[in-house]
Amino acid sequence: CEEFPWGRVFECDPLGAQPAVFRGAM
């Protein structure tokens, strides 16, 4: 989670095997 006024949430693979995905609906 990004901490600034329009911060985003990214869903991440815990080993970086897959690219992280921005979850805009959150």
PDB file of all heavy atoms in Angstrom:
ATOM      1  N   CYS A   1       0.816  -1.211   0.000  1.00  0.00           N
ATOM      2  CA  CYS A   1       0.000   0.000   0.000  1.00  0.00           C
ATOM      3  C   CYS A   1       0.852   1.264   0.000  1.00  0.00           C
ATOM      4  O   CYS A   1       1.775   1.394   0.801  1.00  0.00           O
ATOM      5  CB  CYS A   1      -0.902   0.016   1.237  1.00  0.00           C
ATOM      6  SG  CYS A   1      -2.062  -1.356   1.318  1.00  0.00           S
ATOM      7  N   GLU A   2       0.512   2.192  -0.892  1.00  0.00           N
ATOM      8  CA  GLU A   2       1.201   3.477  -0.958  1.00  0.00           C
ATOM      9  C   GLU A   2       0.540   4.473  -0.002  1.00  0.00           C
ATOM     10  O   GLU A   2      -0.688   4.582   0.044  1.00  0.00           O
ATOM     11  CB  GLU A   2       1.146   4.050  -2.373  1.00  0.00           C
ATOM     12  CG  GLU A   2       1.896   3.233  -3.413  1.00  0.00           C
ATOM     13  CD  GLU A   2       1.766   3.853  -4.794  1.00  0.00           C
ATOM     14  OE1 GLU A   2       0.650   4.308  -5.135  1.00  0.00           O
ATOM     15  OE2 GLU A   2       2.774   3.875  -5.525  1.00  0.00           O
ATOM     16  N   GLU A   3       1.396   5.218   0.708  1.00  0.00           N
ATOM     17  CA  GLU A   3       0.880   6.173   1.689  1.00  0.00           C
ATOM     18  C   GLU A   3       1.063   7.614   1.206  1.00  0.00           C
ATOM     19  O   GLU A   3       2.021   8.289   1.558  1.00  0.00           O
ATOM     20  CB  GLU A   3       1.580   5.983   3.035  1.00  0.00           C
ATOM     21  CG  GLU A   3       1.012   6.864   4.139  1.00  0.00           C
ATOM     22  CD  GLU A   3       1.931   6.968   5.333  1.00  0.00           C
ATOM     23  OE1 GLU A   3       2.816   6.099   5.486  1.00  0.00           O
ATOM     24  OE2 GLU A   3       1.765   7.926   6.103  1.00  0.00           O
ATOM     25  N   PHE A   4       0.162   8.053   0.357  1.00  0.00           N
ATOM     26  CA  PHE A   4       0.035   9.457  -0.007  1.00  0.00           C
ATOM     27  C   PHE A   4      -1.414   9.662  -0.448  1.00  0.00           C
ATOM     28  O   PHE A   4      -2.149   8.682  -0.623  1.00  0.00           O
ATOM     29  CB  PHE A   4       1.057   9.871  -1.088  1.00  0.00           C
ATOM     30  CG  PHE A   4       0.896   9.213  -2.417  1.00  0.00           C
ATOM     31  CD1 PHE A   4       0.143   9.804  -3.423  1.00  0.00           C
ATOM     32  CD2 PHE A   4       1.519   7.997  -2.692  1.00  0.00           C
ATOM     33  CE1 PHE A   4       0.000   9.201  -4.671  1.00  0.00           C
ATOM     34  CE2 PHE A   4       1.388   7.396  -3.933  1.00  0.00           C
ATOM     35  CZ  PHE A   4       0.622   7.997  -4.923  1.00  0.00           C
ATOM     36  N   PRO A   5      -1.895  10.915  -0.581  1.00  0.00           N
ATOM     37  CA  PRO A   5      -3.337  11.138  -0.743  1.00  0.00           C
ATOM     38  C   PRO A   5      -4.035  10.327  -1.823  1.00  0.00           C
ATOM     39  O   PRO A   5      -5.221  10.015  -1.679  1.00  0.00           O
ATOM     40  CB  PRO A   5      -3.411  12.644  -1.021  1.00  0.00           C
ATOM     41  CG  PRO A   5      -2.258  13.204  -0.262  1.00  0.00           C
ATOM     42  CD  PRO A   5      -1.156  12.174  -0.399  1.00  0.00           C
ATOM     43  N   TRP A   6      -3.353   9.994  -2.924  1.00  0.00           N
ATOM     44  CA  TRP A   6      -3.977   9.171  -3.967  1.00  0.00           C
ATOM     45  C   TRP A   6      -3.224   7.850  -4.109  1.00  0.00           C
ATOM     46  O   TRP A   6      -3.042   7.323  -5.193  1.00  0.00           O
ATOM     47  CB  TRP A   6      -4.026   9.936  -5.296  1.00  0.00           C
ATOM     48  CG  TRP A   6      -5.080  10.998  -5.262  1.00  0.00           C
ATOM     49  CD1 TRP A   6      -6.401  10.869  -5.596  1.00  0.00           C
ATOM     50  CD2 TRP A   6      -4.922  12.350  -4.841  1.00  0.00           C
ATOM     51  NE1 TRP A   6      -7.070  12.046  -5.402  1.00  0.00           N
ATOM     52  CE2 TRP A   6      -6.183  12.987  -4.939  1.00  0.00           C
ATOM     53  CE3 TRP A   6      -3.831  13.105  -4.365  1.00  0.00           C
ATOM     54  CZ2 TRP A   6      -6.381  14.319  -4.584  1.00  0.00           C
ATOM     55  CZ3 TRP A   6      -4.038  14.438  -4.016  1.00  0.00           C
ATOM     56  CH2 TRP A   6      -5.293  15.022  -4.132  1.00  0.00           C
ATOM     57  N   GLY A   7      -2.815   7.327  -2.971  1.00  0.00           N
ATOM     58  CA  GLY A   7      -2.041   6.093  -2.944  1.00  0.00           C
ATOM     59  C   GLY A   7      -2.806   4.904  -3.497  1.00  0.00           C
ATOM     60  O   GLY A   7      -4.040   4.843  -3.470  1.00  0.00           O
ATOM     61  N   ARG A   8      -2.049   3.947  -4.003  1.00  0.00           N
ATOM     62  CA  ARG A   8      -2.604   2.757  -4.640  1.00  0.00           C
ATOM     63  C   ARG A   8      -2.305   1.503  -3.829  1.00  0.00           C
ATOM     64  O   ARG A   8      -1.469   1.507  -2.926  1.00  0.00           O
ATOM     65  CB  ARG A   8      -2.007   2.610  -6.045  1.00  0.00           C
ATOM     66  CG  ARG A   8      -2.258   3.783  -6.969  1.00  0.00           C
ATOM     67  CD  ARG A   8      -1.348   3.762  -8.188  1.00  0.00           C
ATOM     68  NE  ARG A   8       0.053   4.014  -7.831  1.00  0.00           N
ATOM     69  CZ  ARG A   8       1.054   4.026  -8.705  1.00  0.00           C
ATOM     70  NH1 ARG A   8       0.815   3.768  -9.988  1.00  0.00           N
ATOM     71  NH2 ARG A   8       2.282   4.266  -8.304  1.00  0.00           N
ATOM     72  N   VAL A   9      -2.992   0.417  -4.188  1.00  0.00           N
ATOM     73  CA  VAL A   9      -2.713  -0.916  -3.647  1.00  0.00           C
ATOM     74  C   VAL A   9      -2.243  -1.800  -4.788  1.00  0.00           C
ATOM     75  O   VAL A   9      -2.870  -1.847  -5.862  1.00  0.00           O
ATOM     76  CB  VAL A   9      -3.964  -1.537  -2.989  1.00  0.00           C
ATOM     77  CG1 VAL A   9      -3.657  -2.955  -2.512  1.00  0.00           C
ATOM     78  CG2 VAL A   9      -4.450  -0.683  -1.827  1.00  0.00           C
ATOM     79  N   PHE A  10      -1.119  -2.489  -4.576  1.00  0.00           N
ATOM     80  CA  PHE A  10      -0.594  -3.430  -5.551  1.00  0.00           C
ATOM     81  C   PHE A  10      -0.623  -4.838  -4.961  1.00  0.00           C
ATOM     82  O   PHE A  10      -0.245  -5.041  -3.803  1.00  0.00           O
ATOM     83  CB  PHE A  10       0.843  -3.076  -5.937  1.00  0.00           C
ATOM     84  CG  PHE A  10       0.981  -1.805  -6.718  1.00  0.00           C
ATOM     85  CD1 PHE A  10       1.088  -0.584  -6.065  1.00  0.00           C
ATOM     86  CD2 PHE A  10       0.972  -1.823  -8.105  1.00  0.00           C
ATOM     87  CE1 PHE A  10       1.210   0.598  -6.781  1.00  0.00           C
ATOM     88  CE2 PHE A  10       1.093  -0.643  -8.836  1.00  0.00           C
ATOM     89  CZ  PHE A  10       1.205   0.568  -8.164  1.00  0.00           C
ATOM     90  N   GLU A  11      -1.051  -5.799  -5.764  1.00  0.00           N
ATOM     91  CA  GLU A  11      -1.017  -7.194  -5.347  1.00  0.00           C
ATOM     92  C   GLU A  11       0.248  -7.831  -5.922  1.00  0.00           C
ATOM     93  O   GLU A  11       0.482  -7.789  -7.132  1.00  0.00           O
ATOM     94  CB  GLU A  11      -2.258  -7.939  -5.826  1.00  0.00           C
ATOM     95  CG  GLU A  11      -2.338  -9.357  -5.267  1.00  0.00           C
ATOM     96  CD  GLU A  11      -3.662 -10.032  -5.536  1.00  0.00           C
ATOM     97  OE1 GLU A  11      -4.443  -9.516  -6.378  1.00  0.00           O
ATOM     98  OE2 GLU A  11      -3.928 -11.068  -4.906  1.00  0.00           O
ATOM     99  N   CYS A  12       1.076  -8.422  -5.038  1.00  0.00           N
ATOM    100  CA  CYS A  12       2.418  -8.849  -5.416  1.00  0.00           C
ATOM    101  C   CYS A  12       2.641 -10.336  -5.146  1.00  0.00           C
ATOM    102  O   CYS A  12       2.151 -10.882  -4.147  1.00  0.00           O
ATOM    103  CB  CYS A  12       3.473  -8.065  -4.624  1.00  0.00           C
ATOM    104  SG  CYS A  12       3.225  -6.286  -4.593  1.00  0.00           S
ATOM    105  N   ASP A  13       3.404 -10.955  -6.017  1.00  0.00           N
ATOM    106  CA  ASP A  13       3.893 -12.313  -5.792  1.00  0.00           C
ATOM    107  C   ASP A  13       5.009 -12.246  -4.749  1.00  0.00           C
ATOM    108  O   ASP A  13       5.932 -11.441  -4.888  1.00  0.00           O
ATOM    109  CB  ASP A  13       4.426 -12.882  -7.104  1.00  0.00           C
ATOM    110  CG  ASP A  13       4.858 -14.329  -6.985  1.00  0.00           C
ATOM    111  OD1 ASP A  13       5.821 -14.590  -6.239  1.00  0.00           O
ATOM    112  OD2 ASP A  13       4.263 -15.184  -7.645  1.00  0.00           O
ATOM    113  N   PRO A  14       4.968 -13.062  -3.689  1.00  0.00           N
ATOM    114  CA  PRO A  14       5.970 -12.953  -2.618  1.00  0.00           C
ATOM    115  C   PRO A  14       7.375 -13.371  -3.011  1.00  0.00           C
ATOM    116  O   PRO A  14       8.305 -13.202  -2.221  1.00  0.00           O
ATOM    117  CB  PRO A  14       5.415 -13.860  -1.521  1.00  0.00           C
ATOM    118  CG  PRO A  14       4.517 -14.810  -2.213  1.00  0.00           C
ATOM    119  CD  PRO A  14       3.941 -14.061  -3.359  1.00  0.00           C
ATOM    120  N   LEU A  15       7.561 -13.889  -4.230  1.00  0.00           N
ATOM    121  CA  LEU A  15       8.894 -14.186  -4.743  1.00  0.00           C
ATOM    122  C   LEU A  15       9.194 -13.400  -6.019  1.00  0.00           C
ATOM    123  O   LEU A  15      10.213 -13.640  -6.670  1.00  0.00           O
ATOM    124  CB  LEU A  15       9.048 -15.688  -5.013  1.00  0.00           C
ATOM    125  CG  LEU A  15       9.064 -16.594  -3.786  1.00  0.00           C
ATOM    126  CD1 LEU A  15       9.162 -18.064  -4.210  1.00  0.00           C
ATOM    127  CD2 LEU A  15      10.207 -16.243  -2.849  1.00  0.00           C
ATOM    128  N   GLY A  16       8.315 -12.498  -6.391  1.00  0.00           N
ATOM    129  CA  GLY A  16       8.538 -11.695  -7.580  1.00  0.00           C
ATOM    130  C   GLY A  16       8.473 -12.469  -8.878  1.00  0.00           C
ATOM    131  O   GLY A  16       8.940 -11.987  -9.917  1.00  0.00           O
ATOM    132  N   ALA A  17       7.879 -13.660  -8.856  1.00  0.00           N
ATOM    133  CA  ALA A  17       7.826 -14.486 -10.068  1.00  0.00           C
ATOM    134  C   ALA A  17       6.833 -13.941 -11.084  1.00  0.00           C
ATOM    135  O   ALA A  17       6.962 -14.196 -12.284  1.00  0.00           O
ATOM    136  CB  ALA A  17       7.465 -15.927  -9.701  1.00  0.00           C
ATOM    137  N   GLN A  18       5.828 -13.208 -10.605  1.00  0.00           N
ATOM    138  CA  GLN A  18       4.834 -12.597 -11.479  1.00  0.00           C
ATOM    139  C   GLN A  18       4.827 -11.092 -11.250  1.00  0.00           C
ATOM    140  O   GLN A  18       5.070 -10.628 -10.129  1.00  0.00           O
ATOM    141  CB  GLN A  18       3.442 -13.174 -11.183  1.00  0.00           C
ATOM    142  CG  GLN A  18       3.322 -14.675 -11.369  1.00  0.00           C
ATOM    143  CD  GLN A  18       3.498 -15.089 -12.817  1.00  0.00           C
ATOM    144  OE1 GLN A  18       3.119 -14.351 -13.732  1.00  0.00           O
ATOM    145  NE2 GLN A  18       4.039 -16.284 -13.036  1.00  0.00           N
ATOM    146  N   PRO A  19       4.550 -10.293 -12.278  1.00  0.00           N
ATOM    147  CA  PRO A  19       4.500  -8.839 -12.099  1.00  0.00           C
ATOM    148  C   PRO A  19       3.406  -8.440 -11.109  1.00  0.00           C
ATOM    149  O   PRO A  19       2.335  -9.057 -11.076  1.00  0.00           O
ATOM    150  CB  PRO A  19       4.195  -8.313 -13.504  1.00  0.00           C
ATOM    151  CG  PRO A  19       4.555  -9.434 -14.431  1.00  0.00           C
ATOM    152  CD  PRO A  19       4.307 -10.693 -13.674  1.00  0.00           C
ATOM    153  N   ALA A  20       3.671  -7.424 -10.314  1.00  0.00           N
ATOM    154  CA  ALA A  20       2.661  -6.898  -9.403  1.00  0.00           C
ATOM    155  C   ALA A  20       1.533  -6.245 -10.196  1.00  0.00           C
ATOM    156  O   ALA A  20       1.739  -5.722 -11.292  1.00  0.00           O
ATOM    157  CB  ALA A  20       3.287  -5.895  -8.443  1.00  0.00           C
ATOM    158  N   VAL A  21       0.319  -6.268  -9.617  1.00  0.00           N
ATOM    159  CA  VAL A  21      -0.868  -5.757 -10.304  1.00  0.00           C
ATOM    160  C   VAL A  21      -1.513  -4.660  -9.461  1.00  0.00           C
ATOM    161  O   VAL A  21      -1.774  -4.846  -8.268  1.00  0.00           O
ATOM    162  CB  VAL A  21      -1.888  -6.886 -10.552  1.00  0.00           C
ATOM    163  CG1 VAL A  21      -3.131  -6.338 -11.254  1.00  0.00           C
ATOM    164  CG2 VAL A  21      -1.263  -8.010 -11.375  1.00  0.00           C
ATOM    165  N   PHE A  22      -1.772  -3.506 -10.073  1.00  0.00           N
ATOM    166  CA  PHE A  22      -2.478  -2.410  -9.424  1.00  0.00           C
ATOM    167  C   PHE A  22      -3.944  -2.790  -9.255  1.00  0.00           C
ATOM    168  O   PHE A  22      -4.607  -3.163 -10.210  1.00  0.00           O
ATOM    169  CB  PHE A  22      -2.330  -1.141 -10.258  1.00  0.00           C
ATOM    170  CG  PHE A  22      -3.269  -0.024  -9.900  1.00  0.00           C
ATOM    171  CD1 PHE A  22      -3.481   0.352  -8.585  1.00  0.00           C
ATOM    172  CD2 PHE A  22      -3.942   0.666 -10.901  1.00  0.00           C
ATOM    173  CE1 PHE A  22      -4.341   1.388  -8.263  1.00  0.00           C
ATOM    174  CE2 PHE A  22      -4.801   1.708 -10.596  1.00  0.00           C
ATOM    175  CZ  PHE A  22      -5.005   2.062  -9.268  1.00  0.00           C
ATOM    176  N   ARG A  23      -4.451  -2.680  -8.018  1.00  0.00           N
ATOM    177  CA  ARG A  23      -5.844  -3.022  -7.731  1.00  0.00           C
ATOM    178  C   ARG A  23      -6.643  -1.742  -7.484  1.00  0.00           C
ATOM    179  O   ARG A  23      -6.891  -1.320  -6.360  1.00  0.00           O
ATOM    180  CB  ARG A  23      -5.920  -3.956  -6.511  1.00  0.00           C
ATOM    181  CG  ARG A  23      -5.281  -5.322  -6.727  1.00  0.00           C
ATOM    182  CD  ARG A  23      -5.852  -6.027  -7.940  1.00  0.00           C
ATOM    183  NE  ARG A  23      -5.421  -7.431  -8.069  1.00  0.00           N
ATOM    184  CZ  ARG A  23      -5.651  -8.174  -9.131  1.00  0.00           C
ATOM    185  NH1 ARG A  23      -6.298  -7.665 -10.181  1.00  0.00           N
ATOM    186  NH2 ARG A  23      -5.242  -9.424  -9.185  1.00  0.00           N
ATOM    187  N   GLY A  24      -7.076  -1.118  -8.587  1.00  0.00           N
ATOM    188  CA  GLY A  24      -7.739   0.175  -8.517  1.00  0.00           C
ATOM    189  C   GLY A  24      -9.055   0.170  -7.781  1.00  0.00           C
ATOM    190  O   GLY A  24      -9.447   1.184  -7.192  1.00  0.00           O
ATOM    191  N   ALA A  25      -9.767  -0.960  -7.790  1.00  0.00           N
ATOM    192  CA  ALA A  25     -11.058  -1.023  -7.118  1.00  0.00           C
ATOM    193  C   ALA A  25     -10.930  -0.873  -5.610  1.00  0.00           C
ATOM    194  O   ALA A  25     -11.929  -0.587  -4.926  1.00  0.00           O
ATOM    195  CB  ALA A  25     -11.765  -2.340  -7.457  1.00  0.00           C
ATOM    196  N   MET A  26      -9.720  -1.022  -5.075  1.00  0.00           N
ATOM    197  CA  MET A  26      -9.509  -0.915  -3.636  1.00  0.00           C
ATOM    198  C   MET A  26      -9.306   0.527  -3.190  1.00  0.00           C
ATOM    199  O   MET A  26      -9.059   0.787  -2.008  1.00  0.00           O
ATOM    200  CB  MET A  26      -8.334  -1.787  -3.210  1.00  0.00           C
ATOM    201  CG  MET A  26      -8.538  -3.260  -3.532  1.00  0.00           C
ATOM    202  SD  MET A  26      -7.244  -4.350  -2.942  1.00  0.00           S
ATOM    203  CE  MET A  26      -7.669  -4.475  -1.201  1.00  0.00           C
TER     204      MET A  26
END
